């Protein structure tokens, strides 16, 4: 016998959270009726919901597919699955589907950008002028980074470095990989060298080349920023390049340079070097000229060359290059 005191329409909220897991308002009414009157059968549930028997049966099939009901067995007809179990399973299924959709977002975004570029190639690049505009665009690129940031670092420095240092530190704290290749001439500036060591301590992967081809920032291999002017005389003018064959080429350029660059890292704590010797090997590995190294260490050129000669003798190195290779093999740089 059906207990008609139960009113599903009154129990159904105007804006139901069931929609989030793919359950319609009517299917929710049927499910609520089954929970309250499990033995009423399809005819009874139709009476409770005020719907036709055919519509209720179709709803039951949908609830079966969603895992909210279990099929008839030798013990009787349709039964509701424990809501605590069934609803959690529905939520997990929806989460999985959402994650799968999110995983395709990058591919879809690439296709979208490619389509826009075919229709309007001018979208590929954006010219940014002025110190403030450059700083804002740089901050935006850092904020959107998801996997990795790659940097060619070389003078001249047209904008204050302090805000960029904070952005880099924030990236590293978020777990974003950061690779930087410094021009040796950049590290002749004590402030730049100090910054480089500080970033290495925070997790930056740093390497050095005698020169780098261009000042460059590449974010996630899909966006790049580089100057349009070669010196401070040109002012603060840069270009932002969106995902395209150009950004892919710039990323490959960086990766090739990375393979050729010398690692810039903390010396090993194996006790083989004194603090002065460790500082010397770091500066030599950075590719600095003797004058710059001597200035950093506060010694004369004659003293510097004597120390380098002593290190070469200890390692059996016939040249500065061989000294750098053998120091790197021992983990000194």
C-alpha atoms as a PDB file:
ATOM      1  CA  UNK A   1       0.000   0.000   0.000  1.00  0.00           C
ATOM      2  CA  UNK A   2       1.311   3.421  -0.962  1.00  0.00           C
ATOM      3  CA  UNK A   3       1.595   6.028   1.771  1.00  0.00           C
ATOM      4  CA  UNK A   4       0.399   9.148  -0.034  1.00  0.00           C
ATOM      5  CA  UNK A   5       1.344  11.364   2.904  1.00  0.00           C
ATOM      6  CA  UNK A   6       4.771  11.705   1.310  1.00  0.00           C
ATOM      7  CA  UNK A   7       4.903  14.717  -1.037  1.00  0.00           C
ATOM      8  CA  UNK A   8       7.942  14.623  -3.327  1.00  0.00           C
ATOM      9  CA  UNK A   9       7.216  17.962  -4.928  1.00  0.00           C
ATOM     10  CA  UNK A  10       7.380  19.651  -1.564  1.00  0.00           C
ATOM     11  CA  UNK A  11      10.679  17.871  -0.721  1.00  0.00           C
ATOM     12  CA  UNK A  12      12.408  18.799  -3.960  1.00  0.00           C
ATOM     13  CA  UNK A  13      14.383  22.075  -3.646  1.00  0.00           C
ATOM     14  CA  UNK A  14      14.113  24.744  -6.281  1.00  0.00           C
ATOM     15  CA  UNK A  15      17.845  24.603  -7.067  1.00  0.00           C
ATOM     16  CA  UNK A  16      18.988  21.051  -6.432  1.00  0.00           C
ATOM     17  CA  UNK A  17      22.646  20.069  -6.016  1.00  0.00           C
ATOM     18  CA  UNK A  18      21.780  16.788  -7.764  1.00  0.00           C
ATOM     19  CA  UNK A  19      22.178  18.528 -11.106  1.00  0.00           C
ATOM     20  CA  UNK A  20      25.941  18.671 -10.442  1.00  0.00           C
ATOM     21  CA  UNK A  21      26.125  14.860 -10.667  1.00  0.00           C
ATOM     22  CA  UNK A  22      23.815  14.511 -13.663  1.00  0.00           C
ATOM     23  CA  UNK A  23      20.504  13.781 -11.890  1.00  0.00           C
ATOM     24  CA  UNK A  24      17.495  15.704 -13.208  1.00  0.00           C
ATOM     25  CA  UNK A  25      14.829  17.177 -10.945  1.00  0.00           C
ATOM     26  CA  UNK A  26      12.305  14.486 -11.958  1.00  0.00           C
ATOM     27  CA  UNK A  27      14.818  11.632 -11.473  1.00  0.00           C
ATOM     28  CA  UNK A  28      15.513  13.054  -8.037  1.00  0.00           C
ATOM     29  CA  UNK A  29      11.788  12.948  -7.231  1.00  0.00           C
ATOM     30  CA  UNK A  30      11.595   9.304  -8.287  1.00  0.00           C
ATOM     31  CA  UNK A  31      14.702   8.430  -6.275  1.00  0.00           C
ATOM     32  CA  UNK A  32      13.300  10.163  -3.177  1.00  0.00           C
ATOM     33  CA  UNK A  33      10.047   8.231  -3.641  1.00  0.00           C
ATOM     34  CA  UNK A  34      11.957   4.939  -3.874  1.00  0.00           C
ATOM     35  CA  UNK A  35      13.912   5.760  -0.717  1.00  0.00           C
ATOM     36  CA  UNK A  36      10.756   6.501   1.258  1.00  0.00           C
ATOM     37  CA  UNK A  37       8.550   3.778  -0.237  1.00  0.00           C
ATOM     38  CA  UNK A  38      10.956   1.020  -1.395  1.00  0.00           C
ATOM     39  CA  UNK A  39       8.211  -1.614  -1.782  1.00  0.00           C
ATOM     40  CA  UNK A  40       5.693   0.537  -3.684  1.00  0.00           C
ATOM     41  CA  UNK A  41       6.944  -0.549  -7.099  1.00  0.00           C
ATOM     42  CA  UNK A  42       6.872   1.475 -10.316  1.00  0.00           C
ATOM     43  CA  UNK A  43       3.092   1.987 -10.132  1.00  0.00           C
ATOM     44  CA  UNK A  44       3.312   3.272  -6.568  1.00  0.00           C
ATOM     45  CA  UNK A  45       6.208   5.584  -7.378  1.00  0.00           C
ATOM     46  CA  UNK A  46       4.229   6.943 -10.323  1.00  0.00           C
ATOM     47  CA  UNK A  47       1.370   7.719  -7.943  1.00  0.00           C
ATOM     48  CA  UNK A  48       3.756   9.403  -5.495  1.00  0.00           C
ATOM     49  CA  UNK A  49       5.304  11.611  -8.171  1.00  0.00           C
ATOM     50  CA  UNK A  50       2.102  12.241 -10.105  1.00  0.00           C
ATOM     51  CA  UNK A  51       3.761  11.016 -13.315  1.00  0.00           C
ATOM     52  CA  UNK A  52       2.859   8.325 -15.824  1.00  0.00           C
ATOM     53  CA  UNK A  53       4.081   4.780 -15.290  1.00  0.00           C
ATOM     54  CA  UNK A  54       6.085   4.893 -18.518  1.00  0.00           C
ATOM     55  CA  UNK A  55       7.912   8.058 -17.462  1.00  0.00           C
ATOM     56  CA  UNK A  56       8.759   6.575 -14.058  1.00  0.00           C
ATOM     57  CA  UNK A  57      10.141   3.394 -15.650  1.00  0.00           C
ATOM     58  CA  UNK A  58      12.419   5.458 -17.923  1.00  0.00           C
ATOM     59  CA  UNK A  59      13.576   7.378 -14.864  1.00  0.00           C
ATOM     60  CA  UNK A  60      14.338   4.109 -13.059  1.00  0.00           C
ATOM     61  CA  UNK A  61      16.492   3.023 -15.993  1.00  0.00           C
ATOM     62  CA  UNK A  62      18.468   6.272 -15.760  1.00  0.00           C
ATOM     63  CA  UNK A  63      18.908   5.822 -11.999  1.00  0.00           C
ATOM     64  CA  UNK A  64      20.118   2.266 -12.630  1.00  0.00           C
ATOM     65  CA  UNK A  65      22.701   3.548 -15.125  1.00  0.00           C
ATOM     66  CA  UNK A  66      23.887   6.132 -12.589  1.00  0.00           C
ATOM     67  CA  UNK A  67      24.338   3.470  -9.922  1.00  0.00           C
ATOM     68  CA  UNK A  68      21.674   4.880  -7.600  1.00  0.00           C
ATOM     69  CA  UNK A  69      19.530   1.736  -7.927  1.00  0.00           C
ATOM     70  CA  UNK A  70      20.393  -1.934  -8.018  1.00  0.00           C
ATOM     71  CA  UNK A  71      18.591  -4.221 -10.492  1.00  0.00           C
ATOM     72  CA  UNK A  72      15.901  -6.737  -9.454  1.00  0.00           C
ATOM     73  CA  UNK A  73      17.086 -10.074  -8.076  1.00  0.00           C
ATOM     74  CA  UNK A  74      15.594 -13.175  -6.503  1.00  0.00           C
ATOM     75  CA  UNK A  75      14.803 -11.169  -3.370  1.00  0.00           C
ATOM     76  CA  UNK A  76      12.568  -8.650  -5.109  1.00  0.00           C
ATOM     77  CA  UNK A  77      12.365  -5.660  -7.461  1.00  0.00           C
ATOM     78  CA  UNK A  78      14.404  -2.489  -7.815  1.00  0.00           C
ATOM     79  CA  UNK A  79      16.159  -1.329  -4.663  1.00  0.00           C
ATOM     80  CA  UNK A  80      17.983   1.884  -3.843  1.00  0.00           C
ATOM     81  CA  UNK A  81      21.706   1.661  -3.252  1.00  0.00           C
ATOM     82  CA  UNK A  82      22.808   3.141   0.076  1.00  0.00           C
ATOM     83  CA  UNK A  83      22.870   6.893  -0.775  1.00  0.00           C
ATOM     84  CA  UNK A  84      26.141   7.405   1.122  1.00  0.00           C
ATOM     85  CA  UNK A  85      27.820   4.910  -1.204  1.00  0.00           C
ATOM     86  CA  UNK A  86      25.994   5.763  -4.435  1.00  0.00           C
ATOM     87  CA  UNK A  87      26.329   9.530  -4.188  1.00  0.00           C
ATOM     88  CA  UNK A  88      30.039   9.400  -3.327  1.00  0.00           C
ATOM     89  CA  UNK A  89      30.582   7.147  -6.350  1.00  0.00           C
ATOM     90  CA  UNK A  90      28.722   9.643  -8.538  1.00  0.00           C
ATOM     91  CA  UNK A  91      30.851  12.494  -7.225  1.00  0.00           C
ATOM     92  CA  UNK A  92      34.077  10.561  -7.906  1.00  0.00           C
ATOM     93  CA  UNK A  93      32.886   9.774 -11.439  1.00  0.00           C
ATOM     94  CA  UNK A  94      32.153  13.439 -12.116  1.00  0.00           C
ATOM     95  CA  UNK A  95      35.519  14.464 -10.684  1.00  0.00           C
ATOM     96  CA  UNK A  96      37.258  12.013 -12.996  1.00  0.00           C
ATOM     97  CA  UNK A  97      35.330  13.337 -15.979  1.00  0.00           C
ATOM     98  CA  UNK A  98      36.196  16.923 -14.995  1.00  0.00           C
ATOM     99  CA  UNK A  99      39.883  16.050 -14.691  1.00  0.00           C
ATOM    100  CA  UNK A 100      39.818  14.433 -18.127  1.00  0.00           C
ATOM    101  CA  UNK A 101      38.225  17.546 -19.579  1.00  0.00           C
ATOM    102  CA  UNK A 102      40.759  19.792 -17.851  1.00  0.00           C
ATOM    103  CA  UNK A 103      43.580  17.659 -19.245  1.00  0.00           C
ATOM    104  CA  UNK A 104      42.476  18.539 -22.769  1.00  0.00           C
ATOM    105  CA  UNK A 105      42.340  22.271 -22.036  1.00  0.00           C
ATOM    106  CA  UNK A 106      45.925  22.924 -23.172  1.00  0.00           C
ATOM    107  CA  UNK A 107      45.372  21.093 -26.451  1.00  0.00           C
ATOM    108  CA  UNK A 108      42.073  22.884 -27.015  1.00  0.00           C
ATOM    109  CA  UNK A 109      43.652  26.249 -26.187  1.00  0.00           C
ATOM    110  CA  UNK A 110      46.465  25.565 -28.666  1.00  0.00           C
ATOM    111  CA  UNK A 111      43.936  24.755 -31.388  1.00  0.00           C
ATOM    112  CA  UNK A 112      41.998  27.911 -30.514  1.00  0.00           C
ATOM    113  CA  UNK A 113      45.096  30.096 -30.684  1.00  0.00           C
ATOM    114  CA  UNK A 114      46.190  28.451 -33.936  1.00  0.00           C
ATOM    115  CA  UNK A 115      42.797  29.217 -35.454  1.00  0.00           C
ATOM    116  CA  UNK A 116      42.986  32.842 -34.356  1.00  0.00           C
ATOM    117  CA  UNK A 117      46.480  33.182 -35.800  1.00  0.00           C
ATOM    118  CA  UNK A 118      45.375  31.785 -39.163  1.00  0.00           C
ATOM    119  CA  UNK A 119      42.565  34.333 -39.321  1.00  0.00           C
ATOM    120  CA  UNK A 120      44.558  37.216 -37.891  1.00  0.00           C
ATOM    121  CA  UNK A 121      48.375  36.698 -37.883  1.00  0.00           C
ATOM    122  CA  UNK A 122      48.885  40.013 -36.094  1.00  0.00           C
ATOM    123  CA  UNK A 123      47.714  38.265 -32.903  1.00  0.00           C
ATOM    124  CA  UNK A 124      51.029  36.388 -32.869  1.00  0.00           C
ATOM    125  CA  UNK A 125      52.979  39.295 -31.393  1.00  0.00           C
ATOM    126  CA  UNK A 126      52.317  42.169 -29.061  1.00  0.00           C
ATOM    127  CA  UNK A 127      54.659  45.142 -28.827  1.00  0.00           C
ATOM    128  CA  UNK A 128      55.022  46.452 -25.283  1.00  0.00           C
ATOM    129  CA  UNK A 129      56.458  49.930 -24.713  1.00  0.00           C
ATOM    130  CA  UNK A 130      57.420  51.654 -21.495  1.00  0.00           C
ATOM    131  CA  UNK A 131      58.916  50.439 -18.229  1.00  0.00           C
ATOM    132  CA  UNK A 132      55.544  50.096 -16.503  1.00  0.00           C
ATOM    133  CA  UNK A 133      53.937  48.145 -19.346  1.00  0.00           C
ATOM    134  CA  UNK A 134      56.926  45.813 -19.573  1.00  0.00           C
ATOM    135  CA  UNK A 135      56.834  45.149 -15.828  1.00  0.00           C
ATOM    136  CA  UNK A 136      53.081  44.424 -15.979  1.00  0.00           C
ATOM    137  CA  UNK A 137      53.432  42.023 -18.898  1.00  0.00           C
ATOM    138  CA  UNK A 138      56.361  40.258 -17.193  1.00  0.00           C
ATOM    139  CA  UNK A 139      54.302  39.826 -14.015  1.00  0.00           C
ATOM    140  CA  UNK A 140      51.418  38.381 -16.038  1.00  0.00           C
ATOM    141  CA  UNK A 141      53.694  35.862 -17.770  1.00  0.00           C
ATOM    142  CA  UNK A 142      55.117  34.701 -14.450  1.00  0.00           C
ATOM    143  CA  UNK A 143      51.629  34.422 -12.923  1.00  0.00           C
ATOM    144  CA  UNK A 144      50.423  32.205 -15.789  1.00  0.00           C
ATOM    145  CA  UNK A 145      53.416  29.850 -15.627  1.00  0.00           C
ATOM    146  CA  UNK A 146      52.383  26.262 -14.942  1.00  0.00           C
ATOM    147  CA  UNK A 147      55.461  24.107 -15.605  1.00  0.00           C
ATOM    148  CA  UNK A 148      58.701  25.909 -16.412  1.00  0.00           C
ATOM    149  CA  UNK A 149      60.284  29.295 -17.024  1.00  0.00           C
ATOM    150  CA  UNK A 150      63.502  29.628 -19.055  1.00  0.00           C
ATOM    151  CA  UNK A 151      65.652  32.753 -19.073  1.00  0.00           C
ATOM    152  CA  UNK A 152      68.616  34.160 -20.986  1.00  0.00           C
ATOM    153  CA  UNK A 153      70.119  36.750 -18.623  1.00  0.00           C
ATOM    154  CA  UNK A 154      72.472  39.365 -20.052  1.00  0.00           C
ATOM    155  CA  UNK A 155      73.086  43.134 -19.792  1.00  0.00           C
ATOM    156  CA  UNK A 156      71.901  45.786 -20.269  1.00  0.00           C
ATOM    157  CA  UNK A 157      69.243  45.795 -17.547  1.00  0.00           C
ATOM    158  CA  UNK A 158      66.636  48.347 -18.498  1.00  0.00           C
ATOM    159  CA  UNK A 159      64.230  47.749 -15.615  1.00  0.00           C
ATOM    160  CA  UNK A 160      64.736  47.498 -11.841  1.00  0.00           C
ATOM    161  CA  UNK A 161      65.703  43.945 -10.833  1.00  0.00           C
ATOM    162  CA  UNK A 162      64.065  43.854  -7.396  1.00  0.00           C
ATOM    163  CA  UNK A 163      60.459  43.207  -8.577  1.00  0.00           C
ATOM    164  CA  UNK A 164      61.697  40.456 -10.895  1.00  0.00           C
ATOM    165  CA  UNK A 165      63.583  38.806  -8.028  1.00  0.00           C
ATOM    166  CA  UNK A 166      60.350  38.611  -6.045  1.00  0.00           C
ATOM    167  CA  UNK A 167      58.529  37.103  -9.038  1.00  0.00           C
ATOM    168  CA  UNK A 168      61.236  34.477  -9.479  1.00  0.00           C
ATOM    169  CA  UNK A 169      61.226  33.559  -5.799  1.00  0.00           C
ATOM    170  CA  UNK A 170      57.434  33.203  -5.893  1.00  0.00           C
ATOM    171  CA  UNK A 171      57.659  30.894  -8.923  1.00  0.00           C
ATOM    172  CA  UNK A 172      60.139  28.629  -7.180  1.00  0.00           C
ATOM    173  CA  UNK A 173      57.976  28.509  -4.048  1.00  0.00           C
ATOM    174  CA  UNK A 174      55.068  27.334  -6.255  1.00  0.00           C
ATOM    175  CA  UNK A 175      57.142  24.434  -7.550  1.00  0.00           C
ATOM    176  CA  UNK A 176      57.615  25.876 -11.044  1.00  0.00           C
ATOM    177  CA  UNK A 177      60.908  24.782 -12.624  1.00  0.00           C
ATOM    178  CA  UNK A 178      63.206  27.729 -13.380  1.00  0.00           C
ATOM    179  CA  UNK A 179      66.227  27.454 -15.678  1.00  0.00           C
ATOM    180  CA  UNK A 180      68.495  30.438 -16.250  1.00  0.00           C
ATOM    181  CA  UNK A 181      71.531  30.849 -18.492  1.00  0.00           C
ATOM    182  CA  UNK A 182      73.662  33.831 -17.490  1.00  0.00           C
ATOM    183  CA  UNK A 183      76.112  35.608 -19.742  1.00  0.00           C
ATOM    184  CA  UNK A 184      79.523  35.666 -18.058  1.00  0.00           C
ATOM    185  CA  UNK A 185      79.589  39.447 -18.448  1.00  0.00           C
ATOM    186  CA  UNK A 186      76.373  39.681 -16.414  1.00  0.00           C
ATOM    187  CA  UNK A 187      77.990  37.908 -13.460  1.00  0.00           C
ATOM    188  CA  UNK A 188      80.794  40.476 -13.375  1.00  0.00           C
ATOM    189  CA  UNK A 189      78.236  42.703 -11.655  1.00  0.00           C
ATOM    190  CA  UNK A 190      78.393  41.792  -7.919  1.00  0.00           C
ATOM    191  CA  UNK A 191      74.645  42.385  -7.534  1.00  0.00           C
ATOM    192  CA  UNK A 192      73.806  40.008 -10.396  1.00  0.00           C
ATOM    193  CA  UNK A 193      76.192  37.357  -9.067  1.00  0.00           C
ATOM    194  CA  UNK A 194      74.716  37.655  -5.577  1.00  0.00           C
ATOM    195  CA  UNK A 195      71.224  37.327  -7.040  1.00  0.00           C
ATOM    196  CA  UNK A 196      72.251  34.237  -9.024  1.00  0.00           C
ATOM    197  CA  UNK A 197      73.614  32.466  -5.934  1.00  0.00           C
ATOM    198  CA  UNK A 198      70.489  33.352  -3.983  1.00  0.00           C
ATOM    199  CA  UNK A 199      68.226  31.937  -6.704  1.00  0.00           C
ATOM    200  CA  UNK A 200      70.320  28.743  -6.880  1.00  0.00           C
ATOM    201  CA  UNK A 201      69.840  28.340  -3.130  1.00  0.00           C
ATOM    202  CA  UNK A 202      66.066  28.668  -3.641  1.00  0.00           C
ATOM    203  CA  UNK A 203      66.046  26.009  -6.362  1.00  0.00           C
ATOM    204  CA  UNK A 204      66.886  27.746  -9.627  1.00  0.00           C
ATOM    205  CA  UNK A 205      68.880  25.684 -12.119  1.00  0.00           C
ATOM    206  CA  UNK A 206      71.582  28.054 -13.360  1.00  0.00           C
ATOM    207  CA  UNK A 207      74.244  27.768 -16.042  1.00  0.00           C
ATOM    208  CA  UNK A 208      76.738  30.133 -17.665  1.00  0.00           C
ATOM    209  CA  UNK A 209      77.926  30.877 -21.200  1.00  0.00           C
ATOM    210  CA  UNK A 210      80.487  33.443 -22.329  1.00  0.00           C
ATOM    211  CA  UNK A 211      77.624  35.166 -24.170  1.00  0.00           C
ATOM    212  CA  UNK A 212      73.952  34.467 -24.821  1.00  0.00           C
ATOM    213  CA  UNK A 213      72.271  35.224 -28.167  1.00  0.00           C
ATOM    214  CA  UNK A 214      69.516  37.499 -26.827  1.00  0.00           C
ATOM    215  CA  UNK A 215      67.727  38.532 -23.658  1.00  0.00           C
ATOM    216  CA  UNK A 216      64.820  36.117 -23.532  1.00  0.00           C
ATOM    217  CA  UNK A 217      62.066  34.744 -21.309  1.00  0.00           C
ATOM    218  CA  UNK A 218      60.133  31.610 -22.356  1.00  0.00           C
ATOM    219  CA  UNK A 219      57.166  30.427 -20.273  1.00  0.00           C
ATOM    220  CA  UNK A 220      55.919  26.836 -20.608  1.00  0.00           C
ATOM    221  CA  UNK A 221      57.384  26.734 -24.106  1.00  0.00           C
ATOM    222  CA  UNK A 222      54.324  28.606 -25.372  1.00  0.00           C
ATOM    223  CA  UNK A 223      54.898  32.286 -24.619  1.00  0.00           C
ATOM    224  CA  UNK A 224      58.038  34.337 -24.937  1.00  0.00           C
ATOM    225  CA  UNK A 225      59.166  37.870 -24.204  1.00  0.00           C
ATOM    226  CA  UNK A 226      62.271  39.494 -25.693  1.00  0.00           C
ATOM    227  CA  UNK A 227      63.493  43.043 -26.266  1.00  0.00           C
ATOM    228  CA  UNK A 228      63.102  44.863 -29.561  1.00  0.00           C
ATOM    229  CA  UNK A 229      65.983  47.184 -28.698  1.00  0.00           C
ATOM    230  CA  UNK A 230      69.596  46.168 -28.197  1.00  0.00           C
ATOM    231  CA  UNK A 231      70.544  48.781 -25.615  1.00  0.00           C
ATOM    232  CA  UNK A 232      69.228  51.244 -23.093  1.00  0.00           C
ATOM    233  CA  UNK A 233      69.244  53.879 -25.826  1.00  0.00           C
ATOM    234  CA  UNK A 234      66.189  52.207 -27.323  1.00  0.00           C
ATOM    235  CA  UNK A 235      64.081  52.545 -24.211  1.00  0.00           C
ATOM    236  CA  UNK A 236      61.748  49.984 -22.707  1.00  0.00           C
ATOM    237  CA  UNK A 237      60.402  48.252 -25.784  1.00  0.00           C
ATOM    238  CA  UNK A 238      59.798  44.495 -25.955  1.00  0.00           C
ATOM    239  CA  UNK A 239      57.712  41.980 -27.845  1.00  0.00           C
ATOM    240  CA  UNK A 240      55.523  39.193 -26.441  1.00  0.00           C
ATOM    241  CA  UNK A 241      55.161  36.197 -28.766  1.00  0.00           C
ATOM    242  CA  UNK A 242      52.248  33.795 -28.367  1.00  0.00           C
ATOM    243  CA  UNK A 243      52.218  30.048 -28.901  1.00  0.00           C
ATOM    244  CA  UNK A 244      53.422  29.363 -32.430  1.00  0.00           C
ATOM    245  CA  UNK A 245      56.340  27.989 -34.417  1.00  0.00           C
ATOM    246  CA  UNK A 246      58.259  31.052 -33.201  1.00  0.00           C
ATOM    247  CA  UNK A 247      57.934  30.157 -29.500  1.00  0.00           C
ATOM    248  CA  UNK A 248      58.810  26.542 -30.282  1.00  0.00           C
ATOM    249  CA  UNK A 249      61.968  27.710 -32.062  1.00  0.00           C
ATOM    250  CA  UNK A 250      62.906  29.989 -29.155  1.00  0.00           C
ATOM    251  CA  UNK A 251      62.480  27.100 -26.709  1.00  0.00           C
ATOM    252  CA  UNK A 252      64.721  24.893 -28.869  1.00  0.00           C
ATOM    253  CA  UNK A 253      67.307  27.699 -28.986  1.00  0.00           C
ATOM    254  CA  UNK A 254      67.336  27.824 -25.195  1.00  0.00           C
ATOM    255  CA  UNK A 255      67.560  24.030 -24.852  1.00  0.00           C
ATOM    256  CA  UNK A 256      70.537  23.880 -27.229  1.00  0.00           C
ATOM    257  CA  UNK A 257      72.317  26.631 -25.297  1.00  0.00           C
ATOM    258  CA  UNK A 258      71.519  24.835 -22.034  1.00  0.00           C
ATOM    259  CA  UNK A 259      73.341  21.722 -23.239  1.00  0.00           C
ATOM    260  CA  UNK A 260      76.451  23.779 -23.991  1.00  0.00           C
ATOM    261  CA  UNK A 261      76.421  25.902 -20.822  1.00  0.00           C
ATOM    262  CA  UNK A 262      78.471  25.313 -17.676  1.00  0.00           C
ATOM    263  CA  UNK A 263      76.492  24.562 -14.481  1.00  0.00           C
ATOM    264  CA  UNK A 264      76.578  27.287 -11.876  1.00  0.00           C
ATOM    265  CA  UNK A 265      76.024  25.657  -8.503  1.00  0.00           C
ATOM    266  CA  UNK A 266      77.067  25.403  -4.929  1.00  0.00           C
ATOM    267  CA  UNK A 267      80.389  23.690  -4.400  1.00  0.00           C
ATOM    268  CA  UNK A 268      80.456  20.303  -2.712  1.00  0.00           C
ATOM    269  CA  UNK A 269      80.917  20.082   1.063  1.00  0.00           C
ATOM    270  CA  UNK A 270      83.632  17.444   0.799  1.00  0.00           C
ATOM    271  CA  UNK A 271      86.258  19.511   2.608  1.00  0.00           C
ATOM    272  CA  UNK A 272      88.631  19.442  -0.359  1.00  0.00           C
ATOM    273  CA  UNK A 273      88.411  23.189  -0.923  1.00  0.00           C
ATOM    274  CA  UNK A 274      88.763  26.162   1.348  1.00  0.00           C
ATOM    275  CA  UNK A 275      86.107  28.872   1.167  1.00  0.00           C
ATOM    276  CA  UNK A 276      88.424  31.057  -0.909  1.00  0.00           C
ATOM    277  CA  UNK A 277      89.166  28.200  -3.314  1.00  0.00           C
ATOM    278  CA  UNK A 278      85.490  27.349  -3.632  1.00  0.00           C
ATOM    279  CA  UNK A 279      84.674  30.988  -4.455  1.00  0.00           C
ATOM    280  CA  UNK A 280      87.493  31.005  -7.015  1.00  0.00           C
ATOM    281  CA  UNK A 281      86.270  27.852  -8.795  1.00  0.00           C
ATOM    282  CA  UNK A 282      82.722  29.244  -8.968  1.00  0.00           C
ATOM    283  CA  UNK A 283      83.885  32.471 -10.564  1.00  0.00           C
ATOM    284  CA  UNK A 284      86.147  30.654 -13.004  1.00  0.00           C
ATOM    285  CA  UNK A 285      83.291  28.314 -13.953  1.00  0.00           C
ATOM    286  CA  UNK A 286      81.183  31.382 -14.670  1.00  0.00           C
ATOM    287  CA  UNK A 287      83.654  32.281 -17.416  1.00  0.00           C
ATOM    288  CA  UNK A 288      84.738  35.603 -15.898  1.00  0.00           C
ATOM    289  CA  UNK A 289      87.870  37.391 -16.990  1.00  0.00           C
ATOM    290  CA  UNK A 290      90.811  37.502 -14.580  1.00  0.00           C
ATOM    291  CA  UNK A 291      90.284  41.178 -13.808  1.00  0.00           C
ATOM    292  CA  UNK A 292      86.651  40.588 -12.795  1.00  0.00           C
ATOM    293  CA  UNK A 293      87.520  37.522 -10.687  1.00  0.00           C
ATOM    294  CA  UNK A 294      90.301  39.394  -8.904  1.00  0.00           C
ATOM    295  CA  UNK A 295      87.941  42.288  -8.214  1.00  0.00           C
ATOM    296  CA  UNK A 296      85.308  39.963  -6.723  1.00  0.00           C
ATOM    297  CA  UNK A 297      87.875  38.237  -4.501  1.00  0.00           C
ATOM    298  CA  UNK A 298      89.658  41.447  -3.543  1.00  0.00           C
ATOM    299  CA  UNK A 299      93.093  40.214  -4.616  1.00  0.00           C
ATOM    300  CA  UNK A 300      95.687  41.292  -7.145  1.00  0.00           C
ATOM    301  CA  UNK A 301      95.979  39.738 -10.595  1.00  0.00           C
ATOM    302  CA  UNK A 302      99.303  38.235  -9.573  1.00  0.00           C
ATOM    303  CA  UNK A 303      97.762  36.541  -6.516  1.00  0.00           C
ATOM    304  CA  UNK A 304      94.789  35.331  -8.532  1.00  0.00           C
ATOM    305  CA  UNK A 305      96.969  33.736 -11.196  1.00  0.00           C
ATOM    306  CA  UNK A 306      99.094  32.045  -8.549  1.00  0.00           C
ATOM    307  CA  UNK A 307      95.961  30.519  -6.954  1.00  0.00           C
ATOM    308  CA  UNK A 308      94.670  29.341 -10.337  1.00  0.00           C
ATOM    309  CA  UNK A 309      98.042  27.756 -11.064  1.00  0.00           C
ATOM    310  CA  UNK A 310      97.961  25.958  -7.701  1.00  0.00           C
ATOM    311  CA  UNK A 311      94.464  24.589  -8.418  1.00  0.00           C
ATOM    312  CA  UNK A 312      95.547  23.418 -11.875  1.00  0.00           C
ATOM    313  CA  UNK A 313      98.492  21.616 -10.305  1.00  0.00           C
ATOM    314  CA  UNK A 314      96.283  19.927  -7.681  1.00  0.00           C
ATOM    315  CA  UNK A 315      93.953  18.603 -10.370  1.00  0.00           C
ATOM    316  CA  UNK A 316      96.595  17.861 -12.976  1.00  0.00           C
ATOM    317  CA  UNK A 317      94.905  20.278 -15.393  1.00  0.00           C
ATOM    318  CA  UNK A 318      96.932  21.680 -18.272  1.00  0.00           C
ATOM    319  CA  UNK A 319      94.510  24.538 -19.009  1.00  0.00           C
ATOM    320  CA  UNK A 320      91.742  26.664 -17.503  1.00  0.00           C
ATOM    321  CA  UNK A 321      89.193  24.688 -19.510  1.00  0.00           C
ATOM    322  CA  UNK A 322      90.478  21.374 -18.207  1.00  0.00           C
ATOM    323  CA  UNK A 323      90.475  22.825 -14.697  1.00  0.00           C
ATOM    324  CA  UNK A 324      86.789  23.674 -15.048  1.00  0.00           C
ATOM    325  CA  UNK A 325      85.932  20.194 -16.358  1.00  0.00           C
ATOM    326  CA  UNK A 326      87.765  18.394 -13.546  1.00  0.00           C
ATOM    327  CA  UNK A 327      86.343  20.704 -10.883  1.00  0.00           C
ATOM    328  CA  UNK A 328      82.851  19.982 -12.193  1.00  0.00           C
ATOM    329  CA  UNK A 329      83.538  16.234 -12.137  1.00  0.00           C
ATOM    330  CA  UNK A 330      84.418  16.512  -8.444  1.00  0.00           C
ATOM    331  CA  UNK A 331      81.272  18.477  -7.710  1.00  0.00           C
ATOM    332  CA  UNK A 332      83.123  21.667  -6.873  1.00  0.00           C
ATOM    333  CA  UNK A 333      81.006  23.803  -9.232  1.00  0.00           C
END
